[in-house]
C-alpha atoms as a PDB file:
ATOM      1  CA  MET A   1       2.209 196.126  83.206  1.00  0.00           C
ATOM      2  CA  ILE A   2      -0.451 197.941  80.964  1.00  0.00           C
ATOM      3  CA  ASP A   3      -1.368 200.686  83.330  1.00  0.00           C
ATOM      4  CA  THR A   4       1.757 202.255  82.268  1.00  0.00           C
ATOM      5  CA  PHE A   5       0.939 201.976  78.608  1.00  0.00           C
ATOM      6  CA  PRO A   6      -0.897 205.064  78.162  1.00  0.00           C
ATOM      7  CA  LEU A   7       1.594 207.256  79.957  1.00  0.00           C
ATOM      8  CA  LEU A   8       4.424 205.775  77.824  1.00  0.00           C
ATOM      9  CA  ALA A   9       2.326 206.278  74.516  1.00  0.00           C
ATOM     10  CA  GLN A  10       1.448 209.757  75.519  1.00  0.00           C
ATOM     11  CA  SER A  11       4.952 210.946  76.424  1.00  0.00           C
ATOM     12  CA  PHE A  12       6.224 209.336  73.093  1.00  0.00           C
ATOM     13  CA  ASP A  13       3.911 211.417  71.271  1.00  0.00           C
ATOM     14  CA  THR A  14       4.175 214.692  72.949  1.00  0.00           C
ATOM     15  CA  ALA A  15       8.174 214.303  73.069  1.00  0.00           C
ATOM     16  CA  SER A  16       8.970 214.029  69.480  1.00  0.00           C
ATOM     17  CA  PRO A  17       7.925 214.789  65.846  1.00  0.00           C
ATOM     18  CA  PHE A  18       6.256 211.226  65.640  1.00  0.00           C
ATOM     19  CA  GLN A  19       2.541 210.030  66.133  1.00  0.00           C
ATOM     20  CA  VAL A  20       2.201 206.485  67.823  1.00  0.00           C
ATOM     21  CA  LYS A  21       0.219 204.080  65.598  1.00  0.00           C
ATOM     22  CA  ARG A  22      -0.116 201.393  67.285  1.00  0.00           C
ATOM     23  CA  VAL A  23       1.523 199.681  70.402  1.00  0.00           C
ATOM     24  CA  TRP A  24       2.221 196.054  71.172  1.00  0.00           C
ATOM     25  CA  VAL A  25       2.732 194.815  74.656  1.00  0.00           C
ATOM     26  CA  GLN A  26       4.228 191.659  75.873  1.00  0.00           C
ATOM     27  CA  ASP A  27       5.363 190.997  79.639  1.00  0.00           C
ATOM     28  CA  ASN A  28       8.224 194.112  79.968  1.00  0.00           C
ATOM     29  CA  GLU A  29       8.778 194.894  76.381  1.00  0.00           C
ATOM     30  CA  PHE A  30       6.832 197.720  74.341  1.00  0.00           C
ATOM     31  CA  TYR A  31       6.787 197.611  70.464  1.00  0.00           C
ATOM     32  CA  VAL A  32       5.750 201.318  69.323  1.00  0.00           C
ATOM     33  CA  GLU A  33       4.897 201.772  66.033  1.00  0.00           C
ATOM     34  CA  TYR A  34       5.176 205.360  64.687  1.00  0.00           C
ATOM     35  CA  GLN A  35       4.723 207.380  61.623  1.00  0.00           C
ATOM     36  CA  ASN A  36       7.259 210.379  61.253  1.00  0.00           C
ATOM     37  CA  ALA A  37       6.244 213.804  59.607  1.00  0.00           C
ATOM     38  CA  LYS A  38       7.199 212.595  56.155  1.00  0.00           C
ATOM     39  CA  GLY A  39       4.870 209.524  56.459  1.00  0.00           C
ATOM     40  CA  GLU A  40       7.437 206.592  56.942  1.00  0.00           C
ATOM     41  CA  LEU A  41       6.803 204.174  59.620  1.00  0.00           C
ATOM     42  CA  GLY A  42       9.213 202.934  61.855  1.00  0.00           C
ATOM     43  CA  GLN A  43       9.202 200.671  65.326  1.00  0.00           C
ATOM     44  CA  ILE A  44      11.182 201.114  68.598  1.00  0.00           C
ATOM     45  CA  LEU A  45      11.299 197.961  71.097  1.00  0.00           C
ATOM     46  CA  LEU A  46      11.465 199.363  74.463  1.00  0.00           C
ATOM     47  CA  GLU A  47      12.088 197.475  77.901  1.00  0.00           C
ATOM     48  CA  LYS A  48      10.772 198.543  80.998  1.00  0.00           C
ATOM     49  CA  ASN A  49      13.039 197.657  84.046  1.00  0.00           C
ATOM     50  CA  ASN A  50      12.078 199.154  87.520  1.00  0.00           C
ATOM     51  CA  ASP A  51       9.626 202.183  86.105  1.00  0.00           C
ATOM     52  CA  LYS A  52      12.438 203.105  83.451  1.00  0.00           C
ATOM     53  CA  TYR A  53      12.026 202.406  79.841  1.00  0.00           C
ATOM     54  CA  GLN A  54      15.294 201.813  77.649  1.00  0.00           C
ATOM     55  CA  ALA A  55      15.286 201.574  73.934  1.00  0.00           C
ATOM     56  CA  LYS A  56      16.645 198.076  72.843  1.00  0.00           C
ATOM     57  CA  GLY A  57      15.914 198.092  69.129  1.00  0.00           C
ATOM     58  CA  TYR A  58      15.118 200.412  66.381  1.00  0.00           C
ATOM     59  CA  PHE A  59      13.110 198.780  63.231  1.00  0.00           C
ATOM     60  CA  ILE A  60      11.919 200.462  59.930  1.00  0.00           C
ATOM     61  CA  THR A  61       9.812 199.114  56.867  1.00  0.00           C
ATOM     62  CA  SER A  62      11.536 196.925  54.138  1.00  0.00           C
ATOM     63  CA  GLU A  63      10.353 195.029  51.410  1.00  0.00           C
ATOM     64  CA  SER A  64      10.288 191.873  53.627  1.00  0.00           C
ATOM     65  CA  GLY A  65       8.697 193.435  56.401  1.00  0.00           C
ATOM     66  CA  TRP A  66      10.378 195.092  59.668  1.00  0.00           C
ATOM     67  CA  GLU A  67      14.083 195.331  59.285  1.00  0.00           C
ATOM     68  CA  LEU A  68      16.398 195.892  62.565  1.00  0.00           C
ATOM     69  CA  ILE A  69      18.592 198.734  61.789  1.00  0.00           C
ATOM     70  CA  LYS A  70      19.836 199.423  65.444  1.00  0.00           C
ATOM     71  CA  GLY A  71      20.348 197.550  68.669  1.00  0.00           C
ATOM     72  CA  GLU A  72      18.707 194.391  69.334  1.00  0.00           C
ATOM     73  CA  GLY A  73      15.439 192.696  69.431  1.00  0.00           C
ATOM     74  CA  GLU A  74      13.215 190.210  67.575  1.00  0.00           C
ATOM     75  CA  LEU A  75      10.249 191.222  65.440  1.00  0.00           C
ATOM     76  CA  VAL A  76       6.794 191.469  67.732  1.00  0.00           C
ATOM     77  CA  SER A  77       5.343 188.043  68.807  1.00  0.00           C
ATOM     78  CA  ALA A  78       1.937 187.144  68.046  1.00  0.00           C
ATOM     79  CA  LYS A  79       1.363 186.552  71.710  1.00  0.00           C
ATOM     80  CA  ALA A  80       1.555 190.501  72.178  1.00  0.00           C
ATOM     81  CA  ALA A  81      -1.645 192.521  73.127  1.00  0.00           C
ATOM     82  CA  LEU A  82      -2.071 195.010  70.188  1.00  0.00           C
ATOM     83  CA  TYR A  83      -3.365 198.380  71.011  1.00  0.00           C
ATOM     84  CA  GLU A  84      -4.827 201.063  68.690  1.00  0.00           C
ATOM     85  CA  LYS A  85      -6.641 204.295  69.212  1.00  0.00           C
ATOM     86  CA  ASP A  86     -10.240 204.218  68.622  1.00  0.00           C
ATOM     87  CA  VAL A  87     -12.132 207.189  67.074  1.00  0.00           C
ATOM     88  CA  ASN A  88     -12.217 208.940  70.355  1.00  0.00           C
ATOM     89  CA  GLY A  89      -8.430 208.541  71.170  1.00  0.00           C
ATOM     90  CA  ASN A  90      -8.650 205.957  73.516  1.00  0.00           C
ATOM     91  CA  TRP A  91      -6.450 203.130  73.592  1.00  0.00           C
ATOM     92  CA  VAL A  92      -8.239 199.840  72.950  1.00  0.00           C
ATOM     93  CA  ARG A  93      -7.069 196.295  72.816  1.00  0.00           C
ATOM     94  CA  LYS A  94      -7.807 194.625  69.237  1.00  0.00           C
ATOM     95  CA  ASN A  95      -6.555 191.299  70.009  1.00  0.00           C
END
């Protein structure tokens, strides 16, 4: 599954005015944390089915953490693999 992650993150980066900050991967779900041009953070929960990605849920930051504002989904599990870019721009697993 992770072999498709860099392509997903790259296409998300270039297809929108957002910058991907971190990505959590668990089974066929991807939690993509992004920052918009105003510096605001958000998360999109994507599900992969047959090489297609579908947005399941949209989250924003709130006083108590992340708040689901549209769709469905739970917060990212502690079991999910966390990826961040290193200083060279390569995605590196952090846990």
